[in-house]
Amino acid sequence: MVLPAIGFVVGLLLHEVIPGCRCDAGGGCHGCGAIGGLIEFLMFGGFVGALVALIFILPSSLVLAGLIKFFGRNASE
């Protein structure tokens, strides 16, 4: 869950540092030079990945950890 968020932050920083670089969700990134595709992937791919991880993967892993703790405690008694 942390890696997509880090990718989003790196893409956002590159977008702000490169002069003339403009990015939007509909048109992608323009004026960013040769790494425009990379910045686009980091910003929009990272953001979507972090949202999916936050909505689905984190709650699922918390439920799974709770089940393991509950059934692990009952088995040892």
N, C-alpha and C. Protein backbone atom coordinates (compact mmCIF):
# COMPACT_ATOMS: atom_id res chain seq x y z
N MET A 1 0.82 -1.18 0.00
CA MET A 1 0.00 0.00 0.00
C MET A 1 0.87 1.25 0.00
N VAL A 2 2.04 1.16 0.55
CA VAL A 2 2.92 2.32 0.63
C VAL A 2 3.58 2.62 -0.72
N LEU A 3 3.92 1.59 -1.48
CA LEU A 3 4.63 1.81 -2.75
C LEU A 3 3.84 2.64 -3.75
N PRO A 4 2.55 2.38 -4.00
CA PRO A 4 1.82 3.27 -4.91
C PRO A 4 1.75 4.71 -4.41
N ALA A 5 1.62 4.89 -3.10
CA ALA A 5 1.57 6.24 -2.55
C ALA A 5 2.90 6.96 -2.76
N ILE A 6 4.00 6.24 -2.58
CA ILE A 6 5.33 6.83 -2.82
C ILE A 6 5.48 7.19 -4.29
N GLY A 7 5.01 6.30 -5.19
CA GLY A 7 5.06 6.60 -6.62
C GLY A 7 4.28 7.85 -6.97
N PHE A 8 3.12 8.02 -6.36
CA PHE A 8 2.31 9.22 -6.59
C PHE A 8 3.04 10.47 -6.14
N VAL A 9 3.67 10.42 -4.98
CA VAL A 9 4.39 11.58 -4.46
C VAL A 9 5.59 11.91 -5.35
N VAL A 10 6.34 10.89 -5.79
CA VAL A 10 7.49 11.14 -6.68
C VAL A 10 7.03 11.75 -7.99
N GLY A 11 5.95 11.22 -8.57
CA GLY A 11 5.41 11.80 -9.81
C GLY A 11 4.96 13.22 -9.62
N LEU A 12 4.34 13.51 -8.49
CA LEU A 12 3.88 14.87 -8.20
C LEU A 12 5.06 15.82 -8.05
N LEU A 13 6.12 15.38 -7.38
CA LEU A 13 7.31 16.21 -7.22
C LEU A 13 7.98 16.48 -8.57
N LEU A 14 8.10 15.43 -9.41
CA LEU A 14 8.69 15.64 -10.74
C LEU A 14 7.84 16.60 -11.56
N HIS A 15 6.53 16.48 -11.46
CA HIS A 15 5.62 17.38 -12.19
C HIS A 15 5.84 18.82 -11.77
N GLU A 16 6.06 19.05 -10.49
CA GLU A 16 6.25 20.41 -10.00
C GLU A 16 7.64 20.97 -10.33
N VAL A 17 8.65 20.11 -10.40
CA VAL A 17 10.02 20.57 -10.62
C VAL A 17 10.29 20.90 -12.09
N ILE A 18 9.72 20.14 -13.01
CA ILE A 18 9.99 20.33 -14.43
C ILE A 18 9.15 21.51 -14.93
N PRO A 19 9.80 22.55 -15.45
CA PRO A 19 9.05 23.72 -15.93
C PRO A 19 8.27 23.38 -17.20
N GLY A 20 7.04 23.84 -17.27
CA GLY A 20 6.19 23.64 -18.43
C GLY A 20 5.49 22.29 -18.46
N CYS A 21 5.65 21.49 -17.44
CA CYS A 21 5.02 20.17 -17.38
C CYS A 21 3.60 20.33 -16.86
N ARG A 22 2.63 19.87 -17.67
CA ARG A 22 1.22 19.94 -17.27
C ARG A 22 0.64 18.54 -17.34
N CYS A 23 -0.04 18.12 -16.29
CA CYS A 23 -0.65 16.80 -16.23
C CYS A 23 -2.11 16.91 -15.82
N ASP A 24 -2.96 16.14 -16.51
CA ASP A 24 -4.34 15.99 -16.07
C ASP A 24 -4.79 14.57 -16.38
N ALA A 25 -5.84 14.13 -15.71
CA ALA A 25 -6.28 12.74 -15.82
C ALA A 25 -6.81 12.41 -17.21
N GLY A 26 -7.38 13.37 -17.90
CA GLY A 26 -7.95 13.10 -19.22
C GLY A 26 -6.94 13.10 -20.34
N GLY A 27 -5.99 14.02 -20.30
CA GLY A 27 -5.06 14.16 -21.41
C GLY A 27 -3.67 13.64 -21.14
N GLY A 28 -3.36 13.26 -19.92
CA GLY A 28 -2.02 12.78 -19.60
C GLY A 28 -1.09 13.94 -19.30
N CYS A 29 0.21 13.70 -19.46
CA CYS A 29 1.22 14.72 -19.17
C CYS A 29 1.81 15.23 -20.48
N HIS A 30 1.97 16.54 -20.57
CA HIS A 30 2.54 17.18 -21.75
C HIS A 30 3.59 18.19 -21.32
N GLY A 31 4.65 18.31 -22.11
CA GLY A 31 5.70 19.27 -21.83
C GLY A 31 6.68 18.80 -20.77
N CYS A 32 6.69 17.51 -20.47
CA CYS A 32 7.57 16.99 -19.42
C CYS A 32 8.83 16.36 -19.99
N GLY A 33 8.99 16.37 -21.30
CA GLY A 33 10.17 15.78 -21.91
C GLY A 33 10.01 14.28 -22.09
N ALA A 34 11.14 13.59 -22.08
CA ALA A 34 11.17 12.15 -22.37
C ALA A 34 10.53 11.33 -21.25
N ILE A 35 10.43 11.87 -20.05
CA ILE A 35 9.89 11.09 -18.94
C ILE A 35 8.42 11.40 -18.67
N GLY A 36 7.73 11.99 -19.64
CA GLY A 36 6.31 12.32 -19.47
C GLY A 36 5.46 11.09 -19.20
N GLY A 37 5.75 10.00 -19.91
CA GLY A 37 5.00 8.76 -19.68
C GLY A 37 5.23 8.19 -18.30
N LEU A 38 6.47 8.30 -17.82
CA LEU A 38 6.79 7.81 -16.47
C LEU A 38 6.07 8.65 -15.42
N ILE A 39 6.09 9.95 -15.58
CA ILE A 39 5.40 10.82 -14.62
C ILE A 39 3.90 10.54 -14.63
N GLU A 40 3.34 10.34 -15.83
CA GLU A 40 1.92 10.02 -15.94
C GLU A 40 1.59 8.72 -15.22
N PHE A 41 2.43 7.70 -15.41
CA PHE A 41 2.20 6.42 -14.73
C PHE A 41 2.32 6.56 -13.22
N LEU A 42 3.33 7.29 -12.75
CA LEU A 42 3.53 7.45 -11.31
C LEU A 42 2.38 8.22 -10.67
N MET A 43 1.93 9.27 -11.33
CA MET A 43 0.88 10.09 -10.73
C MET A 43 -0.47 9.39 -10.76
N PHE A 44 -0.88 8.92 -11.92
CA PHE A 44 -2.22 8.39 -12.05
C PHE A 44 -2.28 6.91 -11.72
N GLY A 45 -1.29 6.13 -12.11
CA GLY A 45 -1.24 4.72 -11.74
C GLY A 45 -1.01 4.54 -10.25
N GLY A 46 -0.14 5.36 -9.68
CA GLY A 46 0.13 5.29 -8.25
C GLY A 46 -1.07 5.70 -7.42
N PHE A 47 -1.78 6.71 -7.87
CA PHE A 47 -2.94 7.19 -7.13
C PHE A 47 -4.05 6.15 -7.13
N VAL A 48 -4.31 5.58 -8.29
CA VAL A 48 -5.35 4.56 -8.40
C VAL A 48 -4.96 3.32 -7.61
N GLY A 49 -3.69 2.93 -7.69
CA GLY A 49 -3.23 1.77 -6.94
C GLY A 49 -3.35 1.97 -5.44
N ALA A 50 -3.02 3.16 -4.97
CA ALA A 50 -3.13 3.45 -3.54
C ALA A 50 -4.58 3.46 -3.09
N LEU A 51 -5.48 3.98 -3.92
CA LEU A 51 -6.90 3.97 -3.57
C LEU A 51 -7.45 2.55 -3.49
N VAL A 52 -7.10 1.72 -4.46
CA VAL A 52 -7.57 0.33 -4.46
C VAL A 52 -7.02 -0.39 -3.24
N ALA A 53 -5.76 -0.17 -2.93
CA ALA A 53 -5.17 -0.81 -1.75
C ALA A 53 -5.85 -0.34 -0.47
N LEU A 54 -6.16 0.93 -0.39
CA LEU A 54 -6.80 1.47 0.81
C LEU A 54 -8.23 0.95 0.96
N ILE A 55 -8.95 0.83 -0.14
CA ILE A 55 -10.35 0.43 -0.08
C ILE A 55 -10.52 -1.08 0.08
N PHE A 56 -9.68 -1.88 -0.60
CA PHE A 56 -9.90 -3.32 -0.61
C PHE A 56 -8.85 -4.12 0.16
N ILE A 57 -7.59 -3.88 -0.10
CA ILE A 57 -6.53 -4.73 0.45
C ILE A 57 -6.34 -4.50 1.95
N LEU A 58 -6.31 -3.27 2.40
CA LEU A 58 -6.11 -3.00 3.82
C LEU A 58 -7.23 -3.59 4.69
N PRO A 59 -8.51 -3.35 4.38
CA PRO A 59 -9.55 -3.96 5.21
C PRO A 59 -9.53 -5.49 5.16
N SER A 60 -9.26 -6.05 4.00
CA SER A 60 -9.19 -7.51 3.88
C SER A 60 -8.07 -8.08 4.74
N SER A 61 -6.92 -7.44 4.72
CA SER A 61 -5.80 -7.94 5.52
C SER A 61 -6.07 -7.77 7.01
N LEU A 62 -6.77 -6.72 7.41
CA LEU A 62 -7.11 -6.54 8.82
C LEU A 62 -8.10 -7.61 9.29
N VAL A 63 -9.09 -7.92 8.46
CA VAL A 63 -10.04 -8.98 8.81
C VAL A 63 -9.33 -10.32 8.90
N LEU A 64 -8.46 -10.61 7.95
CA LEU A 64 -7.71 -11.86 7.96
C LEU A 64 -6.82 -11.96 9.20
N ALA A 65 -6.15 -10.88 9.56
CA ALA A 65 -5.31 -10.89 10.76
C ALA A 65 -6.15 -11.11 12.02
N GLY A 66 -7.33 -10.51 12.08
CA GLY A 66 -8.21 -10.72 13.22
C GLY A 66 -8.69 -12.16 13.32
N LEU A 67 -9.03 -12.76 12.18
CA LEU A 67 -9.46 -14.16 12.17
C LEU A 67 -8.34 -15.09 12.62
N ILE A 68 -7.14 -14.83 12.13
CA ILE A 68 -6.00 -15.66 12.52
C ILE A 68 -5.73 -15.53 14.02
N LYS A 69 -5.81 -14.32 14.54
CA LYS A 69 -5.58 -14.13 15.97
C LYS A 69 -6.66 -14.81 16.79
N PHE A 70 -7.92 -14.69 16.37
CA PHE A 70 -9.03 -15.28 17.10
C PHE A 70 -8.95 -16.81 17.10
N PHE A 71 -8.77 -17.40 15.92
CA PHE A 71 -8.73 -18.85 15.85
C PHE A 71 -7.42 -19.42 16.37
N GLY A 72 -6.35 -18.67 16.29
CA GLY A 72 -5.08 -19.11 16.85
C GLY A 72 -5.11 -19.16 18.36
N ARG A 73 -5.79 -18.21 18.96
CA ARG A 73 -5.92 -18.17 20.42
C ARG A 73 -6.81 -19.32 20.90
N ASN A 74 -7.87 -19.64 20.19
CA ASN A 74 -8.79 -20.72 20.58
C ASN A 74 -8.13 -22.10 20.42
N ALA A 75 -7.27 -22.24 19.44
CA ALA A 75 -6.62 -23.53 19.21
C ALA A 75 -5.58 -23.83 20.29
N SER A 76 -4.96 -22.81 20.87
CA SER A 76 -3.93 -23.02 21.86
C SER A 76 -4.51 -23.32 23.26
N GLU A 77 -5.78 -23.04 23.47
CA GLU A 77 -6.39 -23.26 24.79
C GLU A 77 -6.81 -24.68 25.02
